């Protein structure tokens, strides 16, 4: 489905429960994805563009079990400009192998990545992460690696990302 380059945000529940939606394109100017936008869209595998998205609403991609690619050319979910990831935003996205949040991320909501059992790598490139909700990582793949800026490994491990529902393996990146 083509969204259209003039659209800057998708309202809450816009595509919730769509059973045949597999690919969304035309998201180049999108800055916001509302609450429950793609809630339960089990066939949704790819959303192209999304390089300007700053806000991902609550349960935006909740239980999108086939989702493997957003805003990237490779099989990864990438939001370079995102500041806020809402509660349960990616909960139940079982095929998501790589998720990459850019340097502007400040907030990860409660249970945001819960039950992302296929997750191998999570990139949090921000040095300004202030909040991560309870159980943000509950049920993620036990061998998933969380990549954070080298200067923040200790601070995030002992602070904002401590006790968020899973034992986390951290690695520093430049």
C-alpha atoms as a PDB file:
ATOM      1  CA  UNK A   1       0.000   0.000   0.000  1.00  0.00           C
ATOM      2  CA  UNK A   2       1.291   3.473  -0.900  1.00  0.00           C
ATOM      3  CA  UNK A   3       0.757   6.092   1.825  1.00  0.00           C
ATOM      4  CA  UNK A   4       1.764   9.223  -0.080  1.00  0.00           C
ATOM      5  CA  UNK A   5       4.570  11.702   0.399  1.00  0.00           C
ATOM      6  CA  UNK A   6       2.301  14.508   1.647  1.00  0.00           C
ATOM      7  CA  UNK A   7       1.285  12.569   4.770  1.00  0.00           C
ATOM      8  CA  UNK A   8       3.250  13.504   7.903  1.00  0.00           C
ATOM      9  CA  UNK A   9       1.488  11.337  10.476  1.00  0.00           C
ATOM     10  CA  UNK A  10      -0.735   8.283  10.646  1.00  0.00           C
ATOM     11  CA  UNK A  11      -3.596   8.517  13.124  1.00  0.00           C
ATOM     12  CA  UNK A  12      -4.384   6.003  15.807  1.00  0.00           C
ATOM     13  CA  UNK A  13      -6.007   2.733  14.688  1.00  0.00           C
ATOM     14  CA  UNK A  14      -5.625   3.670  10.972  1.00  0.00           C
ATOM     15  CA  UNK A  15      -4.690   0.158   9.846  1.00  0.00           C
ATOM     16  CA  UNK A  16      -5.392  -1.787  13.023  1.00  0.00           C
ATOM     17  CA  UNK A  17      -6.487  -5.349  12.367  1.00  0.00           C
ATOM     18  CA  UNK A  18      -5.760  -5.298   8.627  1.00  0.00           C
ATOM     19  CA  UNK A  19      -5.365  -8.949   7.711  1.00  0.00           C
ATOM     20  CA  UNK A  20      -3.921  -8.702   4.174  1.00  0.00           C
ATOM     21  CA  UNK A  21      -1.595  -5.712   4.575  1.00  0.00           C
ATOM     22  CA  UNK A  22       1.987  -6.903   3.979  1.00  0.00           C
ATOM     23  CA  UNK A  23       3.901  -3.823   2.780  1.00  0.00           C
ATOM     24  CA  UNK A  24       3.545  -0.075   3.310  1.00  0.00           C
ATOM     25  CA  UNK A  25       5.485   2.410   1.146  1.00  0.00           C
ATOM     26  CA  UNK A  26       5.625   6.172   0.638  1.00  0.00           C
ATOM     27  CA  UNK A  27       6.498   7.111   4.216  1.00  0.00           C
ATOM     28  CA  UNK A  28       9.299   9.564   3.321  1.00  0.00           C
ATOM     29  CA  UNK A  29       7.783  12.556   5.154  1.00  0.00           C
ATOM     30  CA  UNK A  30       6.147  10.680   7.996  1.00  0.00           C
ATOM     31  CA  UNK A  31       7.066  12.079  11.426  1.00  0.00           C
ATOM     32  CA  UNK A  32       4.524  10.345  13.648  1.00  0.00           C
ATOM     33  CA  UNK A  33       2.967   6.910  13.921  1.00  0.00           C
ATOM     34  CA  UNK A  34      -0.089   6.998  16.175  1.00  0.00           C
ATOM     35  CA  UNK A  35      -1.220   4.618  18.896  1.00  0.00           C
ATOM     36  CA  UNK A  36      -2.375   1.197  17.647  1.00  0.00           C
ATOM     37  CA  UNK A  37      -1.742   2.190  14.007  1.00  0.00           C
ATOM     38  CA  UNK A  38      -0.785  -1.291  12.802  1.00  0.00           C
ATOM     39  CA  UNK A  39      -2.069  -3.171  15.887  1.00  0.00           C
ATOM     40  CA  UNK A  40      -2.398  -6.882  15.186  1.00  0.00           C
ATOM     41  CA  UNK A  41      -1.495  -6.700  11.492  1.00  0.00           C
ATOM     42  CA  UNK A  42       0.017 -10.183  11.544  1.00  0.00           C
ATOM     43  CA  UNK A  43       0.939 -10.201   7.823  1.00  0.00           C
ATOM     44  CA  UNK A  44       2.713  -6.816   7.848  1.00  0.00           C
ATOM     45  CA  UNK A  45       6.371  -7.492   7.024  1.00  0.00           C
ATOM     46  CA  UNK A  46       7.746  -4.218   5.676  1.00  0.00           C
ATOM     47  CA  UNK A  47       7.270  -0.449   6.016  1.00  0.00           C
ATOM     48  CA  UNK A  48       9.480   1.576   3.638  1.00  0.00           C
ATOM     49  CA  UNK A  49      10.838   5.021   4.477  1.00  0.00           C
ATOM     50  CA  UNK A  50      10.181   6.319   7.992  1.00  0.00           C
ATOM     51  CA  UNK A  51      13.543   8.113   8.222  1.00  0.00           C
ATOM     52  CA  UNK A  52      11.896  11.206   9.752  1.00  0.00           C
ATOM     53  CA  UNK A  53       9.654   9.504  12.334  1.00  0.00           C
ATOM     54  CA  UNK A  54      10.165  11.075  15.775  1.00  0.00           C
ATOM     55  CA  UNK A  55       7.280   9.406  17.656  1.00  0.00           C
ATOM     56  CA  UNK A  56       6.075   5.814  17.640  1.00  0.00           C
ATOM     57  CA  UNK A  57       2.804   5.545  19.535  1.00  0.00           C
ATOM     58  CA  UNK A  58       1.625   2.974  22.045  1.00  0.00           C
ATOM     59  CA  UNK A  59       1.068  -0.455  20.494  1.00  0.00           C
ATOM     60  CA  UNK A  60       1.854   1.018  17.044  1.00  0.00           C
ATOM     61  CA  UNK A  61       3.224  -2.310  15.758  1.00  0.00           C
ATOM     62  CA  UNK A  62       1.795  -4.508  18.519  1.00  0.00           C
ATOM     63  CA  UNK A  63       1.728  -8.189  17.538  1.00  0.00           C
ATOM     64  CA  UNK A  64       2.911  -7.575  13.971  1.00  0.00           C
ATOM     65  CA  UNK A  65       4.451 -11.034  14.085  1.00  0.00           C
ATOM     66  CA  UNK A  66       5.848 -10.953  10.501  1.00  0.00           C
ATOM     67  CA  UNK A  67       7.476  -7.509  10.754  1.00  0.00           C
ATOM     68  CA  UNK A  68      11.165  -7.643   9.795  1.00  0.00           C
ATOM     69  CA  UNK A  69      11.856  -4.384   7.965  1.00  0.00           C
ATOM     70  CA  UNK A  70      11.032  -0.721   8.612  1.00  0.00           C
ATOM     71  CA  UNK A  71      12.811   2.271   7.087  1.00  0.00           C
ATOM     72  CA  UNK A  72      15.833   0.284   5.964  1.00  0.00           C
ATOM     73  CA  UNK A  73      17.186  -1.515   2.954  1.00  0.00           C
ATOM     74  CA  UNK A  74      18.321  -4.598   4.867  1.00  0.00           C
ATOM     75  CA  UNK A  75      16.199  -6.773   7.126  1.00  0.00           C
ATOM     76  CA  UNK A  76      16.121  -4.455  10.087  1.00  0.00           C
ATOM     77  CA  UNK A  77      13.764  -2.045  11.778  1.00  0.00           C
ATOM     78  CA  UNK A  78      15.409   1.370  11.713  1.00  0.00           C
ATOM     79  CA  UNK A  79      14.166   4.678  13.069  1.00  0.00           C
ATOM     80  CA  UNK A  80      17.033   7.175  12.796  1.00  0.00           C
ATOM     81  CA  UNK A  81      15.137  10.233  14.093  1.00  0.00           C
ATOM     82  CA  UNK A  82      12.876   8.666  16.731  1.00  0.00           C
ATOM     83  CA  UNK A  83      12.698  10.330  20.145  1.00  0.00           C
ATOM     84  CA  UNK A  84       9.882   8.343  21.753  1.00  0.00           C
ATOM     85  CA  UNK A  85       8.923   4.679  21.466  1.00  0.00           C
ATOM     86  CA  UNK A  86       5.544   4.134  23.124  1.00  0.00           C
ATOM     87  CA  UNK A  87       4.381   1.400  25.473  1.00  0.00           C
ATOM     88  CA  UNK A  88       4.154  -2.034  23.794  1.00  0.00           C
ATOM     89  CA  UNK A  89       5.139  -0.411  20.462  1.00  0.00           C
ATOM     90  CA  UNK A  90       6.867  -3.546  19.143  1.00  0.00           C
ATOM     91  CA  UNK A  91       5.533  -6.089  21.618  1.00  0.00           C
ATOM     92  CA  UNK A  92       4.982  -9.433  19.901  1.00  0.00           C
ATOM     93  CA  UNK A  93       7.052  -8.639  16.786  1.00  0.00           C
ATOM     94  CA  UNK A  94       8.577 -12.098  16.882  1.00  0.00           C
ATOM     95  CA  UNK A  95      10.445 -11.976  13.566  1.00  0.00           C
ATOM     96  CA  UNK A  96      12.184  -8.651  14.215  1.00  0.00           C
ATOM     97  CA  UNK A  97      15.878  -9.572  14.150  1.00  0.00           C
ATOM     98  CA  UNK A  98      17.541  -6.144  14.250  1.00  0.00           C
ATOM     99  CA  UNK A  99      16.080  -2.933  15.663  1.00  0.00           C
ATOM    100  CA  UNK A 100      18.047   0.305  15.338  1.00  0.00           C
ATOM    101  CA  UNK A 101      17.054   3.481  17.165  1.00  0.00           C
ATOM    102  CA  UNK A 102      19.030   6.606  16.287  1.00  0.00           C
ATOM    103  CA  UNK A 103      20.877   9.161  18.360  1.00  0.00           C
ATOM    104  CA  UNK A 104      17.793  11.197  19.355  1.00  0.00           C
ATOM    105  CA  UNK A 105      16.012   8.531  21.424  1.00  0.00           C
ATOM    106  CA  UNK A 106      15.024   9.749  24.899  1.00  0.00           C
ATOM    107  CA  UNK A 107      12.162   7.436  25.916  1.00  0.00           C
ATOM    108  CA  UNK A 108      11.371   3.735  25.614  1.00  0.00           C
ATOM    109  CA  UNK A 109       7.904   2.912  26.919  1.00  0.00           C
ATOM    110  CA  UNK A 110       6.803   0.108  29.204  1.00  0.00           C
ATOM    111  CA  UNK A 111       6.956  -3.318  27.515  1.00  0.00           C
ATOM    112  CA  UNK A 112       8.023  -1.604  24.259  1.00  0.00           C
ATOM    113  CA  UNK A 113       9.999  -4.606  23.002  1.00  0.00           C
ATOM    114  CA  UNK A 114       8.281  -7.306  25.027  1.00  0.00           C
ATOM    115  CA  UNK A 115       8.199 -10.759  23.414  1.00  0.00           C
ATOM    116  CA  UNK A 116      10.455  -9.864  20.477  1.00  0.00           C
ATOM    117  CA  UNK A 117      11.805 -13.386  20.689  1.00  0.00           C
ATOM    118  CA  UNK A 118      13.651 -13.237  17.350  1.00  0.00           C
ATOM    119  CA  UNK A 119      15.623 -10.127  18.282  1.00  0.00           C
ATOM    120  CA  UNK A 120      19.369 -10.580  17.812  1.00  0.00           C
ATOM    121  CA  UNK A 121      20.579  -6.978  17.940  1.00  0.00           C
ATOM    122  CA  UNK A 122      19.159  -3.783  19.393  1.00  0.00           C
ATOM    123  CA  UNK A 123      20.950  -0.525  18.663  1.00  0.00           C
ATOM    124  CA  UNK A 124      20.332   2.412  20.961  1.00  0.00           C
ATOM    125  CA  UNK A 125      22.605   5.076  19.485  1.00  0.00           C
ATOM    126  CA  UNK A 126      21.463   7.843  21.805  1.00  0.00           C
ATOM    127  CA  UNK A 127      23.604   9.291  24.584  1.00  0.00           C
ATOM    128  CA  UNK A 128      20.508  11.019  25.963  1.00  0.00           C
ATOM    129  CA  UNK A 129      18.212   8.131  26.848  1.00  0.00           C
ATOM    130  CA  UNK A 130      16.333   9.266  29.951  1.00  0.00           C
ATOM    131  CA  UNK A 131      13.569   6.705  30.485  1.00  0.00           C
ATOM    132  CA  UNK A 132      12.893   3.035  29.843  1.00  0.00           C
ATOM    133  CA  UNK A 133       9.626   1.672  31.180  1.00  0.00           C
ATOM    134  CA  UNK A 134       9.092  -1.453  33.237  1.00  0.00           C
ATOM    135  CA  UNK A 135       9.457  -4.720  31.342  1.00  0.00           C
ATOM    136  CA  UNK A 136      10.701  -2.848  28.257  1.00  0.00           C
ATOM    137  CA  UNK A 137      12.729  -5.922  27.265  1.00  0.00           C
ATOM    138  CA  UNK A 138      10.765  -8.747  28.896  1.00  0.00           C
ATOM    139  CA  UNK A 139      10.736 -11.859  26.728  1.00  0.00           C
ATOM    140  CA  UNK A 140      13.360 -10.752  24.229  1.00  0.00           C
ATOM    141  CA  UNK A 141      15.781 -13.313  22.833  1.00  0.00           C
ATOM    142  CA  UNK A 142      18.103 -14.316  25.694  1.00  0.00           C
ATOM    143  CA  UNK A 143      21.180 -13.912  23.484  1.00  0.00           C
ATOM    144  CA  UNK A 144      20.204 -10.533  22.037  1.00  0.00           C
ATOM    145  CA  UNK A 145      22.930  -7.908  22.234  1.00  0.00           C
ATOM    146  CA  UNK A 146      22.138  -4.304  23.126  1.00  0.00           C
ATOM    147  CA  UNK A 147      24.529  -1.925  21.368  1.00  0.00           C
ATOM    148  CA  UNK A 148      24.892   1.479  23.026  1.00  0.00           C
ATOM    149  CA  UNK A 149      27.472   4.273  22.755  1.00  0.00           C
ATOM    150  CA  UNK A 150      30.758   3.230  24.389  1.00  0.00           C
ATOM    151  CA  UNK A 151      30.561   6.207  26.723  1.00  0.00           C
ATOM    152  CA  UNK A 152      27.155   5.042  28.022  1.00  0.00           C
ATOM    153  CA  UNK A 153      27.602   1.284  28.549  1.00  0.00           C
ATOM    154  CA  UNK A 154      28.087   1.505  32.324  1.00  0.00           C
ATOM    155  CA  UNK A 155      25.565   4.294  32.876  1.00  0.00           C
ATOM    156  CA  UNK A 156      22.805   2.550  30.925  1.00  0.00           C
ATOM    157  CA  UNK A 157      23.595  -0.885  32.347  1.00  0.00           C
ATOM    158  CA  UNK A 158      23.461   0.352  35.946  1.00  0.00           C
ATOM    159  CA  UNK A 159      20.852   3.044  35.410  1.00  0.00           C
ATOM    160  CA  UNK A 160      18.105   3.620  32.876  1.00  0.00           C
ATOM    161  CA  UNK A 161      18.238   0.105  31.333  1.00  0.00           C
ATOM    162  CA  UNK A 162      18.660  -1.823  34.586  1.00  0.00           C
ATOM    163  CA  UNK A 163      15.992  -4.375  35.574  1.00  0.00           C
ATOM    164  CA  UNK A 164      13.754  -3.930  32.537  1.00  0.00           C
ATOM    165  CA  UNK A 165      12.479  -7.504  32.351  1.00  0.00           C
ATOM    166  CA  UNK A 166      15.478  -9.392  30.993  1.00  0.00           C
ATOM    167  CA  UNK A 167      19.153  -9.972  31.560  1.00  0.00           C
ATOM    168  CA  UNK A 168      20.803  -7.762  28.961  1.00  0.00           C
ATOM    169  CA  UNK A 169      24.113  -8.176  27.163  1.00  0.00           C
ATOM    170  CA  UNK A 170      25.672  -4.806  26.378  1.00  0.00           C
ATOM    171  CA  UNK A 171      28.321  -3.855  23.822  1.00  0.00           C
ATOM    172  CA  UNK A 172      29.755  -0.408  23.168  1.00  0.00           C
ATOM    173  CA  UNK A 173      29.692   1.196  19.734  1.00  0.00           C
ATOM    174  CA  UNK A 174      31.303   4.337  18.399  1.00  0.00           C
END
